[in-house]
Amino acid sequence: MGGLTLLGVGLGITGLIEDLFARSEGLGFLGLAFAFAATLALSVVVAREALGLARLAVIEKLHQRAAAALLSDDRAESRTIVHELLRLAHQNRSWRGRVPRCKAMPTISSTAPI
């Protein structure tokens, strides 16, 4: 269904651009530029969502490994998981300004003992 919708929208935009070129060459190029900008914006949104889903999959795997390490009381595995989580947190620094700080919640540092 999504493919048919995308084809219909594409044909509609193509018809609009052809009509704009028929009316005025400048309007046609302006419509073409807007169509390219919309396509680029859609591509960026889809790519960001795909990367976000991939990040969530990595976090989910780490969560499962952490649960298994806690059940088996494996300190070395727990340490490895904490270091991987810290690495992910340092890679994605955009969360720092958005997460509210709670005074009761300690901050995690790479030098903290485990």
PDB file of N, CA and C in Angstrom:
ATOM      1  N   MET A   1       0.815  -1.184   0.000  1.00  0.00           N
ATOM      2  CA  MET A   1       0.000   0.000   0.000  1.00  0.00           C
ATOM      3  C   MET A   1       0.866   1.258   0.000  1.00  0.00           C
ATOM      4  N   GLY A   2       1.962   1.203   0.782  1.00  0.00           N
ATOM      5  CA  GLY A   2       2.863   2.351   0.834  1.00  0.00           C
ATOM      6  C   GLY A   2       3.533   2.605  -0.503  1.00  0.00           C
ATOM      7  N   GLY A   3       3.866   1.520  -1.222  1.00  0.00           N
ATOM      8  CA  GLY A   3       4.492   1.676  -2.537  1.00  0.00           C
ATOM      9  C   GLY A   3       3.558   2.323  -3.537  1.00  0.00           C
ATOM     10  N   LEU A   4       2.292   1.929  -3.508  1.00  0.00           N
ATOM     11  CA  LEU A   4       1.310   2.554  -4.408  1.00  0.00           C
ATOM     12  C   LEU A   4       1.116   4.028  -4.073  1.00  0.00           C
ATOM     13  N   THR A   5       1.088   4.337  -2.792  1.00  0.00           N
ATOM     14  CA  THR A   5       0.947   5.737  -2.380  1.00  0.00           C
ATOM     15  C   THR A   5       2.151   6.544  -2.856  1.00  0.00           C
ATOM     16  N   LEU A   6       3.343   5.988  -2.691  1.00  0.00           N
ATOM     17  CA  LEU A   6       4.557   6.682  -3.128  1.00  0.00           C
ATOM     18  C   LEU A   6       4.558   6.894  -4.641  1.00  0.00           C
ATOM     19  N   LEU A   7       4.124   5.887  -5.395  1.00  0.00           N
ATOM     20  CA  LEU A   7       4.036   6.040  -6.851  1.00  0.00           C
ATOM     21  C   LEU A   7       3.019   7.111  -7.236  1.00  0.00           C
ATOM     22  N   GLY A   8       1.878   7.128  -6.559  1.00  0.00           N
ATOM     23  CA  GLY A   8       0.862   8.136  -6.847  1.00  0.00           C
ATOM     24  C   GLY A   8       1.346   9.543  -6.552  1.00  0.00           C
ATOM     25  N   VAL A   9       2.036   9.709  -5.430  1.00  0.00           N
ATOM     26  CA  VAL A   9       2.578  11.030  -5.086  1.00  0.00           C
ATOM     27  C   VAL A   9       3.645  11.432  -6.096  1.00  0.00           C
ATOM     28  N   GLY A  10       4.489  10.476  -6.498  1.00  0.00           N
ATOM     29  CA  GLY A  10       5.528  10.771  -7.492  1.00  0.00           C
ATOM     30  C   GLY A  10       4.942  11.203  -8.829  1.00  0.00           C
ATOM     31  N   LEU A  11       3.886  10.514  -9.268  1.00  0.00           N
ATOM     32  CA  LEU A  11       3.238  10.903 -10.532  1.00  0.00           C
ATOM     33  C   LEU A  11       2.576  12.270 -10.414  1.00  0.00           C
ATOM     34  N   GLY A  12       1.996  12.549  -9.257  1.00  0.00           N
ATOM     35  CA  GLY A  12       1.377  13.851  -9.041  1.00  0.00           C
ATOM     36  C   GLY A  12       2.403  14.977  -9.074  1.00  0.00           C
ATOM     37  N   ILE A  13       3.540  14.751  -8.457  1.00  0.00           N
ATOM     38  CA  ILE A  13       4.601  15.771  -8.454  1.00  0.00           C
ATOM     39  C   ILE A  13       5.164  15.947  -9.854  1.00  0.00           C
ATOM     40  N   THR A  14       5.337  14.836 -10.579  1.00  0.00           N
ATOM     41  CA  THR A  14       5.827  14.928 -11.957  1.00  0.00           C
ATOM     42  C   THR A  14       4.863  15.738 -12.820  1.00  0.00           C
ATOM     43  N   GLY A  15       3.567  15.475 -12.678  1.00  0.00           N
ATOM     44  CA  GLY A  15       2.568  16.245 -13.426  1.00  0.00           C
ATOM     45  C   GLY A  15       2.593  17.714 -13.054  1.00  0.00           C
ATOM     46  N   LEU A  16       2.754  18.013 -11.764  1.00  0.00           N
ATOM     47  CA  LEU A  16       2.824  19.406 -11.326  1.00  0.00           C
ATOM     48  C   LEU A  16       4.030  20.112 -11.922  1.00  0.00           C
ATOM     49  N   ILE A  17       5.176  19.454 -11.916  1.00  0.00           N
ATOM     50  CA  ILE A  17       6.390  20.074 -12.467  1.00  0.00           C
ATOM     51  C   ILE A  17       6.249  20.273 -13.976  1.00  0.00           C
ATOM     52  N   GLU A  18       5.651  19.313 -14.680  1.00  0.00           N
ATOM     53  CA  GLU A  18       5.421  19.476 -16.123  1.00  0.00           C
ATOM     54  C   GLU A  18       4.498  20.664 -16.380  1.00  0.00           C
ATOM     55  N   ASP A  19       3.446  20.808 -15.579  1.00  0.00           N
ATOM     56  CA  ASP A  19       2.536  21.947 -15.734  1.00  0.00           C
ATOM     57  C   ASP A  19       3.247  23.273 -15.438  1.00  0.00           C
ATOM     58  N   LEU A  20       4.114  23.258 -14.435  1.00  0.00           N
ATOM     59  CA  LEU A  20       4.863  24.482 -14.119  1.00  0.00           C
ATOM     60  C   LEU A  20       5.811  24.854 -15.256  1.00  0.00           C
ATOM     61  N   PHE A  21       6.463  23.863 -15.870  1.00  0.00           N
ATOM     62  CA  PHE A  21       7.330  24.141 -17.013  1.00  0.00           C
ATOM     63  C   PHE A  21       6.515  24.657 -18.199  1.00  0.00           C
ATOM     64  N   ALA A  22       5.301  24.130 -18.376  1.00  0.00           N
ATOM     65  CA  ALA A  22       4.451  24.588 -19.478  1.00  0.00           C
ATOM     66  C   ALA A  22       4.050  26.054 -19.283  1.00  0.00           C
ATOM     67  N   ARG A  23       3.835  26.457 -18.055  1.00  0.00           N
ATOM     68  CA  ARG A  23       3.442  27.837 -17.771  1.00  0.00           C
ATOM     69  C   ARG A  23       4.628  28.783 -17.862  1.00  0.00           C
ATOM     70  N   SER A  24       5.736  28.416 -17.179  1.00  0.00           N
ATOM     71  CA  SER A  24       6.923  29.269 -17.167  1.00  0.00           C
ATOM     72  C   SER A  24       8.133  28.407 -16.826  1.00  0.00           C
ATOM     73  N   GLU A  25       9.232  28.669 -17.525  1.00  0.00           N
ATOM     74  CA  GLU A  25      10.437  27.888 -17.281  1.00  0.00           C
ATOM     75  C   GLU A  25      10.969  28.126 -15.867  1.00  0.00           C
ATOM     76  N   GLY A  26      10.880  29.352 -15.396  1.00  0.00           N
ATOM     77  CA  GLY A  26      11.351  29.676 -14.044  1.00  0.00           C
ATOM     78  C   GLY A  26      10.551  28.949 -12.975  1.00  0.00           C
ATOM     79  N   LEU A  27       9.216  28.908 -13.163  1.00  0.00           N
ATOM     80  CA  LEU A  27       8.385  28.184 -12.213  1.00  0.00           C
ATOM     81  C   LEU A  27       8.689  26.687 -12.235  1.00  0.00           C
ATOM     82  N   GLY A  28       8.979  26.165 -13.404  1.00  0.00           N
ATOM     83  CA  GLY A  28       9.321  24.749 -13.527  1.00  0.00           C
ATOM     84  C   GLY A  28      10.583  24.409 -12.764  1.00  0.00           C
ATOM     85  N   PHE A  29      11.619  25.257 -12.917  1.00  0.00           N
ATOM     86  CA  PHE A  29      12.860  25.006 -12.192  1.00  0.00           C
ATOM     87  C   PHE A  29      12.678  25.194 -10.687  1.00  0.00           C
ATOM     88  N   LEU A  30      11.836  26.147 -10.294  1.00  0.00           N
ATOM     89  CA  LEU A  30      11.549  26.337  -8.878  1.00  0.00           C
ATOM     90  C   LEU A  30      10.830  25.106  -8.303  1.00  0.00           C
ATOM     91  N   GLY A  31       9.857  24.587  -9.028  1.00  0.00           N
ATOM     92  CA  GLY A  31       9.162  23.370  -8.594  1.00  0.00           C
ATOM     93  C   GLY A  31      10.092  22.180  -8.534  1.00  0.00           C
ATOM     94  N   LEU A  32      11.003  22.092  -9.500  1.00  0.00           N
ATOM     95  CA  LEU A  32      11.980  20.998  -9.511  1.00  0.00           C
ATOM     96  C   LEU A  32      12.923  21.092  -8.306  1.00  0.00           C
ATOM     97  N   ALA A  33      13.345  22.322  -7.985  1.00  0.00           N
ATOM     98  CA  ALA A  33      14.218  22.510  -6.820  1.00  0.00           C
ATOM     99  C   ALA A  33      13.493  22.116  -5.536  1.00  0.00           C
ATOM    100  N   PHE A  34      12.220  22.499  -5.405  1.00  0.00           N
ATOM    101  CA  PHE A  34      11.444  22.122  -4.224  1.00  0.00           C
ATOM    102  C   PHE A  34      11.263  20.605  -4.144  1.00  0.00           C
ATOM    103  N   ALA A  35      11.060  19.963  -5.282  1.00  0.00           N
ATOM    104  CA  ALA A  35      10.900  18.504  -5.300  1.00  0.00           C
ATOM    105  C   ALA A  35      12.196  17.818  -4.855  1.00  0.00           C
ATOM    106  N   PHE A  36      13.342  18.311  -5.328  1.00  0.00           N
ATOM    107  CA  PHE A  36      14.619  17.737  -4.899  1.00  0.00           C
ATOM    108  C   PHE A  36      14.847  17.968  -3.410  1.00  0.00           C
ATOM    109  N   ALA A  37      14.500  19.166  -2.923  1.00  0.00           N
ATOM    110  CA  ALA A  37      14.666  19.463  -1.496  1.00  0.00           C
ATOM    111  C   ALA A  37      13.782  18.544  -0.643  1.00  0.00           C
ATOM    112  N   ALA A  38      12.550  18.307  -1.087  1.00  0.00           N
ATOM    113  CA  ALA A  38      11.647  17.420  -0.345  1.00  0.00           C
ATOM    114  C   ALA A  38      12.165  15.983  -0.362  1.00  0.00           C
ATOM    115  N   THR A  39      12.710  15.553  -1.492  1.00  0.00           N
ATOM    116  CA  THR A  39      13.275  14.202  -1.593  1.00  0.00           C
ATOM    117  C   THR A  39      14.483  14.049  -0.677  1.00  0.00           C
ATOM    118  N   LEU A  40      15.340  15.068  -0.655  1.00  0.00           N
ATOM    119  CA  LEU A  40      16.505  15.035   0.220  1.00  0.00           C
ATOM    120  C   LEU A  40      16.079  15.006   1.687  1.00  0.00           C
ATOM    121  N   ALA A  41      15.082  15.820   2.051  1.00  0.00           N
ATOM    122  CA  ALA A  41      14.603  15.845   3.435  1.00  0.00           C
ATOM    123  C   ALA A  41      14.017  14.490   3.829  1.00  0.00           C
ATOM    124  N   LEU A  42      13.257  13.883   2.952  1.00  0.00           N
ATOM    125  CA  LEU A  42      12.685  12.567   3.240  1.00  0.00           C
ATOM    126  C   LEU A  42      13.785  11.523   3.413  1.00  0.00           C
ATOM    127  N   SER A  43      14.812  11.593   2.582  1.00  0.00           N
ATOM    128  CA  SER A  43      15.929  10.653   2.688  1.00  0.00           C
ATOM    129  C   SER A  43      16.663  10.811   4.012  1.00  0.00           C
ATOM    130  N   VAL A  44      16.863  12.052   4.448  1.00  0.00           N
ATOM    131  CA  VAL A  44      17.546  12.307   5.720  1.00  0.00           C
ATOM    132  C   VAL A  44      16.712  11.774   6.886  1.00  0.00           C
ATOM    133  N   VAL A  45      15.404  12.000   6.849  1.00  0.00           N
ATOM    134  CA  VAL A  45      14.533  11.515   7.921  1.00  0.00           C
ATOM    135  C   VAL A  45      14.560   9.997   7.982  1.00  0.00           C
ATOM    136  N   VAL A  46      14.481   9.339   6.850  1.00  0.00           N
ATOM    137  CA  VAL A  46      14.492   7.876   6.817  1.00  0.00           C
ATOM    138  C   VAL A  46      15.838   7.341   7.322  1.00  0.00           C
ATOM    139  N   ALA A  47      16.945   7.970   6.919  1.00  0.00           N
ATOM    140  CA  ALA A  47      18.268   7.530   7.365  1.00  0.00           C
ATOM    141  C   ALA A  47      18.421   7.706   8.878  1.00  0.00           C
ATOM    142  N   ARG A  48      17.958   8.832   9.422  1.00  0.00           N
ATOM    143  CA  ARG A  48      18.058   9.050  10.867  1.00  0.00           C
ATOM    144  C   ARG A  48      17.222   8.039  11.644  1.00  0.00           C
ATOM    145  N   GLU A  49      16.047   7.741  11.147  1.00  0.00           N
ATOM    146  CA  GLU A  49      15.202   6.748  11.818  1.00  0.00           C
ATOM    147  C   GLU A  49      15.850   5.366  11.769  1.00  0.00           C
ATOM    148  N   ALA A  50      16.451   5.013  10.635  1.00  0.00           N
ATOM    149  CA  ALA A  50      17.117   3.711  10.521  1.00  0.00           C
ATOM    150  C   ALA A  50      18.298   3.623  11.486  1.00  0.00           C
ATOM    151  N   LEU A  51      19.079   4.694  11.600  1.00  0.00           N
ATOM    152  CA  LEU A  51      20.192   4.698  12.545  1.00  0.00           C
ATOM    153  C   LEU A  51      19.687   4.637  13.985  1.00  0.00           C
ATOM    154  N   GLY A  52      18.598   5.298  14.275  1.00  0.00           N
ATOM    155  CA  GLY A  52      18.011   5.247  15.611  1.00  0.00           C
ATOM    156  C   GLY A  52      17.540   3.843  15.967  1.00  0.00           C
ATOM    157  N   LEU A  53      16.924   3.173  15.019  1.00  0.00           N
ATOM    158  CA  LEU A  53      16.493   1.793  15.258  1.00  0.00           C
ATOM    159  C   LEU A  53      17.684   0.858  15.452  1.00  0.00           C
ATOM    160  N   ALA A  54      18.758   1.097  14.705  1.00  0.00           N
ATOM    161  CA  ALA A  54      19.964   0.279  14.871  1.00  0.00           C
ATOM    162  C   ALA A  54      20.558   0.504  16.260  1.00  0.00           C
ATOM    163  N   ARG A  55      20.575   1.776  16.724  1.00  0.00           N
ATOM    164  CA  ARG A  55      21.069   2.073  18.065  1.00  0.00           C
ATOM    165  C   ARG A  55      20.214   1.387  19.136  1.00  0.00           C
ATOM    166  N   LEU A  56      18.915   1.424  18.944  1.00  0.00           N
ATOM    167  CA  LEU A  56      18.027   0.766  19.903  1.00  0.00           C
ATOM    168  C   LEU A  56      18.264  -0.740  19.954  1.00  0.00           C
ATOM    169  N   ALA A  57      18.561  -1.338  18.803  1.00  0.00           N
ATOM    170  CA  ALA A  57      18.850  -2.773  18.775  1.00  0.00           C
ATOM    171  C   ALA A  57      20.125  -3.086  19.562  1.00  0.00           C
ATOM    172  N   VAL A  58      21.137  -2.230  19.429  1.00  0.00           N
ATOM    173  CA  VAL A  58      22.378  -2.431  20.183  1.00  0.00           C
ATOM    174  C   VAL A  58      22.119  -2.308  21.674  1.00  0.00           C
ATOM    175  N   ILE A  59      21.334  -1.315  22.067  1.00  0.00           N
ATOM    176  CA  ILE A  59      21.025  -1.124  23.482  1.00  0.00           C
ATOM    177  C   ILE A  59      20.219  -2.299  24.017  1.00  0.00           C
ATOM    178  N   GLU A  60      19.298  -2.808  23.230  1.00  0.00           N
ATOM    179  CA  GLU A  60      18.495  -3.957  23.661  1.00  0.00           C
ATOM    180  C   GLU A  60      19.380  -5.191  23.864  1.00  0.00           C
ATOM    181  N   LYS A  61      20.347  -5.413  22.973  1.00  0.00           N
ATOM    182  CA  LYS A  61      21.269  -6.543  23.144  1.00  0.00           C
ATOM    183  C   LYS A  61      22.091  -6.379  24.419  1.00  0.00           C
ATOM    184  N   LEU A  62      22.558  -5.133  24.673  1.00  0.00           N
ATOM    185  CA  LEU A  62      23.308  -4.886  25.900  1.00  0.00           C
ATOM    186  C   LEU A  62      22.437  -5.116  27.133  1.00  0.00           C
ATOM    187  N   HIS A  63      21.181  -4.738  27.041  1.00  0.00           N
ATOM    188  CA  HIS A  63      20.258  -4.955  28.158  1.00  0.00           C
ATOM    189  C   HIS A  63      20.098  -6.443  28.443  1.00  0.00           C
ATOM    190  N   GLN A  64      19.951  -7.236  27.405  1.00  0.00           N
ATOM    191  CA  GLN A  64      19.815  -8.677  27.582  1.00  0.00           C
ATOM    192  C   GLN A  64      21.090  -9.288  28.164  1.00  0.00           C
ATOM    193  N   ARG A  65      22.251  -8.819  27.691  1.00  0.00           N
ATOM    194  CA  ARG A  65      23.520  -9.315  28.228  1.00  0.00           C
ATOM    195  C   ARG A  65      23.688  -8.920  29.686  1.00  0.00           C
ATOM    196  N   ALA A  66      23.247  -7.694  30.033  1.00  0.00           N
ATOM    197  CA  ALA A  66      23.354  -7.241  31.421  1.00  0.00           C
ATOM    198  C   ALA A  66      22.461  -8.074  32.332  1.00  0.00           C
ATOM    199  N   ALA A  67      21.260  -8.379  31.873  1.00  0.00           N
ATOM    200  CA  ALA A  67      20.357  -9.217  32.673  1.00  0.00           C
ATOM    201  C   ALA A  67      20.957 -10.600  32.879  1.00  0.00           C
ATOM    202  N   ALA A  68      21.548 -11.155  31.831  1.00  0.00           N
ATOM    203  CA  ALA A  68      22.171 -12.474  31.948  1.00  0.00           C
ATOM    204  C   ALA A  68      23.382 -12.424  32.875  1.00  0.00           C
ATOM    205  N   ALA A  69      24.166 -11.345  32.807  1.00  0.00           N
ATOM    206  CA  ALA A  69      25.341 -11.213  33.672  1.00  0.00           C
ATOM    207  C   ALA A  69      24.931 -11.052  35.129  1.00  0.00           C
ATOM    208  N   LEU A  70      23.846 -10.331  35.383  1.00  0.00           N
ATOM    209  CA  LEU A  70      23.366 -10.172  36.755  1.00  0.00           C
ATOM    210  C   LEU A  70      22.872 -11.496  37.323  1.00  0.00           C
ATOM    211  N   LEU A  71      22.210 -12.274  36.501  1.00  0.00           N
ATOM    212  CA  LEU A  71      21.720 -13.573  36.968  1.00  0.00           C
ATOM    213  C   LEU A  71      22.863 -14.545  37.241  1.00  0.00           C
ATOM    214  N   SER A  72      23.929 -14.459  36.445  1.00  0.00           N
ATOM    215  CA  SER A  72      25.059 -15.369  36.638  1.00  0.00           C
ATOM    216  C   SER A  72      26.094 -14.801  37.599  1.00  0.00           C
ATOM    217  N   ASP A  73      25.935 -13.546  38.046  1.00  0.00           N
ATOM    218  CA  ASP A  73      26.851 -12.862  38.956  1.00  0.00           C
ATOM    219  C   ASP A  73      28.272 -12.817  38.387  1.00  0.00           C
ATOM    220  N   ASP A  74      28.377 -12.528  37.087  1.00  0.00           N
ATOM    221  CA  ASP A  74      29.658 -12.452  36.386  1.00  0.00           C
ATOM    222  C   ASP A  74      30.141 -10.998  36.400  1.00  0.00           C
ATOM    223  N   ARG A  75      31.130 -10.683  37.255  1.00  0.00           N
ATOM    224  CA  ARG A  75      31.610  -9.305  37.394  1.00  0.00           C
ATOM    225  C   ARG A  75      32.361  -8.820  36.145  1.00  0.00           C
ATOM    226  N   ALA A  76      33.111  -9.682  35.511  1.00  0.00           N
ATOM    227  CA  ALA A  76      33.873  -9.280  34.328  1.00  0.00           C
ATOM    228  C   ALA A  76      32.917  -8.907  33.194  1.00  0.00           C
ATOM    229  N   GLU A  77      31.875  -9.689  33.005  1.00  0.00           N
ATOM    230  CA  GLU A  77      30.891  -9.384  31.962  1.00  0.00           C
ATOM    231  C   GLU A  77      30.148  -8.092  32.294  1.00  0.00           C
ATOM    232  N   SER A  78      29.831  -7.880  33.575  1.00  0.00           N
ATOM    233  CA  SER A  78      29.153  -6.648  33.986  1.00  0.00           C
ATOM    234  C   SER A  78      30.024  -5.435  33.692  1.00  0.00           C
ATOM    235  N   ARG A  79      31.320  -5.554  33.979  1.00  0.00           N
ATOM    236  CA  ARG A  79      32.248  -4.456  33.700  1.00  0.00           C
ATOM    237  C   ARG A  79      32.313  -4.155  32.203  1.00  0.00           C
ATOM    238  N   THR A  80      32.363  -5.206  31.385  1.00  0.00           N
ATOM    239  CA  THR A  80      32.406  -5.039  29.934  1.00  0.00           C
ATOM    240  C   THR A  80      31.153  -4.326  29.439  1.00  0.00           C
ATOM    241  N   ILE A  81      30.001  -4.695  29.971  1.00  0.00           N
ATOM    242  CA  ILE A  81      28.737  -4.086  29.550  1.00  0.00           C
ATOM    243  C   ILE A  81      28.697  -2.622  29.942  1.00  0.00           C
ATOM    244  N   VAL A  82      29.165  -2.294  31.163  1.00  0.00           N
ATOM    245  CA  VAL A  82      29.188  -0.894  31.601  1.00  0.00           C
ATOM    246  C   VAL A  82      30.099  -0.078  30.695  1.00  0.00           C
ATOM    247  N   HIS A  83      31.239  -0.615  30.337  1.00  0.00           N
ATOM    248  CA  HIS A  83      32.153   0.113  29.445  1.00  0.00           C
ATOM    249  C   HIS A  83      31.535   0.311  28.060  1.00  0.00           C
ATOM    250  N   GLU A  84      30.814  -0.680  27.567  1.00  0.00           N
ATOM    251  CA  GLU A  84      30.149  -0.526  26.274  1.00  0.00           C
ATOM    252  C   GLU A  84      29.058   0.535  26.346  1.00  0.00           C
ATOM    253  N   LEU A  85      28.313   0.564  27.451  1.00  0.00           N
ATOM    254  CA  LEU A  85      27.287   1.596  27.619  1.00  0.00           C
ATOM    255  C   LEU A  85      27.908   2.986  27.694  1.00  0.00           C
ATOM    256  N   LEU A  86      29.037   3.110  28.386  1.00  0.00           N
ATOM    257  CA  LEU A  86      29.729   4.398  28.449  1.00  0.00           C
ATOM    258  C   LEU A  86      30.223   4.823  27.073  1.00  0.00           C
ATOM    259  N   ARG A  87      30.726   3.873  26.302  1.00  0.00           N
ATOM    260  CA  ARG A  87      31.184   4.192  24.943  1.00  0.00           C
ATOM    261  C   ARG A  87      30.019   4.698  24.099  1.00  0.00           C
ATOM    262  N   LEU A  88      28.853   4.044  24.216  1.00  0.00           N
ATOM    263  CA  LEU A  88      27.676   4.499  23.473  1.00  0.00           C
ATOM    264  C   LEU A  88      27.247   5.888  23.927  1.00  0.00           C
ATOM    265  N   ALA A  89      27.318   6.136  25.227  1.00  0.00           N
ATOM    266  CA  ALA A  89      26.924   7.449  25.743  1.00  0.00           C
ATOM    267  C   ALA A  89      27.863   8.534  25.226  1.00  0.00           C
ATOM    268  N   HIS A  90      29.148   8.245  25.143  1.00  0.00           N
ATOM    269  CA  HIS A  90      30.092   9.240  24.627  1.00  0.00           C
ATOM    270  C   HIS A  90      29.927   9.456  23.128  1.00  0.00           C
ATOM    271  N   GLN A  91      29.518   8.425  22.403  1.00  0.00           N
ATOM    272  CA  GLN A  91      29.284   8.584  20.969  1.00  0.00           C
ATOM    273  C   GLN A  91      28.072   9.453  20.714  1.00  0.00           C
ATOM    274  N   ASN A  92      27.046   9.300  21.526  1.00  0.00           N
ATOM    275  CA  ASN A  92      25.803  10.044  21.337  1.00  0.00           C
ATOM    276  C   ASN A  92      25.718  11.122  22.406  1.00  0.00           C
ATOM    277  N   ARG A  93      26.402  12.231  22.200  1.00  0.00           N
ATOM    278  CA  ARG A  93      26.456  13.300  23.186  1.00  0.00           C
ATOM    279  C   ARG A  93      25.219  14.191  23.151  1.00  0.00           C
ATOM    280  N   SER A  94      24.303  13.973  22.214  1.00  0.00           N
ATOM    281  CA  SER A  94      23.136  14.851  22.102  1.00  0.00           C
ATOM    282  C   SER A  94      22.162  14.657  23.257  1.00  0.00           C
ATOM    283  N   TRP A  95      22.249  13.573  24.011  1.00  0.00           N
ATOM    284  CA  TRP A  95      21.318  13.322  25.113  1.00  0.00           C
ATOM    285  C   TRP A  95      21.607  14.188  26.316  1.00  0.00           C
ATOM    286  N   ARG A  96      22.807  14.744  26.438  1.00  0.00           N
ATOM    287  CA  ARG A  96      23.209  15.439  27.658  1.00  0.00           C
ATOM    288  C   ARG A  96      22.323  16.626  27.996  1.00  0.00           C
ATOM    289  N   GLY A  97      21.948  17.421  27.014  1.00  0.00           N
ATOM    290  CA  GLY A  97      21.148  18.597  27.301  1.00  0.00           C
ATOM    291  C   GLY A  97      19.682  18.298  27.484  1.00  0.00           C
ATOM    292  N   ARG A  98      19.229  17.121  27.126  1.00  0.00           N
ATOM    293  CA  ARG A  98      17.803  16.814  27.145  1.00  0.00           C
ATOM    294  C   ARG A  98      17.356  16.018  28.361  1.00  0.00           C
ATOM    295  N   VAL A  99      18.281  15.317  29.006  1.00  0.00           N
ATOM    296  CA  VAL A  99      17.899  14.470  30.128  1.00  0.00           C
ATOM    297  C   VAL A  99      17.947  15.293  31.409  1.00  0.00           C
ATOM    298  N   PRO A 100      16.823  15.370  32.149  1.00  0.00           N
ATOM    299  CA  PRO A 100      16.848  16.140  33.391  1.00  0.00           C
ATOM    300  C   PRO A 100      17.713  15.450  34.442  1.00  0.00           C
ATOM    301  N   ARG A 101      18.464  16.246  35.198  1.00  0.00           N
ATOM    302  CA  ARG A 101      19.320  15.708  36.250  1.00  0.00           C
ATOM    303  C   ARG A 101      18.525  15.535  37.525  1.00  0.00           C
ATOM    304  N   CYS A 102      18.750  14.460  38.181  1.00  0.00           N
ATOM    305  CA  CYS A 102      18.131  14.189  39.476  1.00  0.00           C
ATOM    306  C   CYS A 102      19.257  14.134  40.498  1.00  0.00           C
ATOM    307  N   LYS A 103      19.146  14.881  41.600  1.00  0.00           N
ATOM    308  CA  LYS A 103      20.221  14.917  42.590  1.00  0.00           C
ATOM    309  C   LYS A 103      20.408  13.572  43.269  1.00  0.00           C
ATOM    310  N   ALA A 104      19.356  12.791  43.340  1.00  0.00           N
ATOM    311  CA  ALA A 104      19.464  11.485  43.994  1.00  0.00           C
ATOM    312  C   ALA A 104      20.142  10.459  43.102  1.00  0.00           C
ATOM    313  N   MET A 105      20.209  10.734  41.784  1.00  0.00           N
ATOM    314  CA  MET A 105      20.788   9.780  40.852  1.00  0.00           C
ATOM    315  C   MET A 105      22.251  10.130  40.610  1.00  0.00           C
ATOM    316  N   PRO A 106      23.201   9.251  40.952  1.00  0.00           N
ATOM    317  CA  PRO A 106      24.612   9.570  40.744  1.00  0.00           C
ATOM    318  C   PRO A 106      24.966   9.561  39.265  1.00  0.00           C
ATOM    319  N   THR A 107      25.983  10.325  38.925  1.00  0.00           N
ATOM    320  CA  THR A 107      26.449  10.334  37.545  1.00  0.00           C
ATOM    321  C   THR A 107      27.412   9.177  37.343  1.00  0.00           C
ATOM    322  N   ILE A 108      27.469   8.673  36.126  1.00  0.00           N
ATOM    323  CA  ILE A 108      28.349   7.560  35.789  1.00  0.00           C
ATOM    324  C   ILE A 108      29.605   8.136  35.152  1.00  0.00           C
ATOM    325  N   SER A 109      30.741   7.731  35.622  1.00  0.00           N
ATOM    326  CA  SER A 109      32.001   8.165  35.005  1.00  0.00           C
ATOM    327  C   SER A 109      32.809   6.930  34.676  1.00  0.00           C
ATOM    328  N   SER A 110      33.748   7.098  33.759  1.00  0.00           N
ATOM    329  CA  SER A 110      34.548   5.950  33.346  1.00  0.00           C
ATOM    330  C   SER A 110      35.556   5.540  34.423  1.00  0.00           C
ATOM    331  N   THR A 111      35.769   6.388  35.445  1.00  0.00           N
ATOM    332  CA  THR A 111      36.723   6.042  36.513  1.00  0.00           C
ATOM    333  C   THR A 111      36.041   5.465  37.733  1.00  0.00           C
ATOM    334  N   ALA A 112      34.704   5.378  37.702  1.00  0.00           N
ATOM    335  CA  ALA A 112      33.969   4.860  38.854  1.00  0.00           C
ATOM    336  C   ALA A 112      34.217   3.369  38.999  1.00  0.00           C
ATOM    337  N   PRO A 113      34.451   2.897  40.224  1.00  0.00           N
ATOM    338  CA  PRO A 113      34.646   1.458  40.419  1.00  0.00           C
ATOM    339  C   PRO A 113      33.343   0.700  40.221  1.00  0.00           C
ATOM    340  N   ILE A 114      33.481  -0.519  39.808  1.00  0.00           N
ATOM    341  CA  ILE A 114      32.291  -1.343  39.544  1.00  0.00           C
ATOM    342  C   ILE A 114      32.163  -2.397  40.615  1.00  0.00           C
TER     343      ILE A 114
END
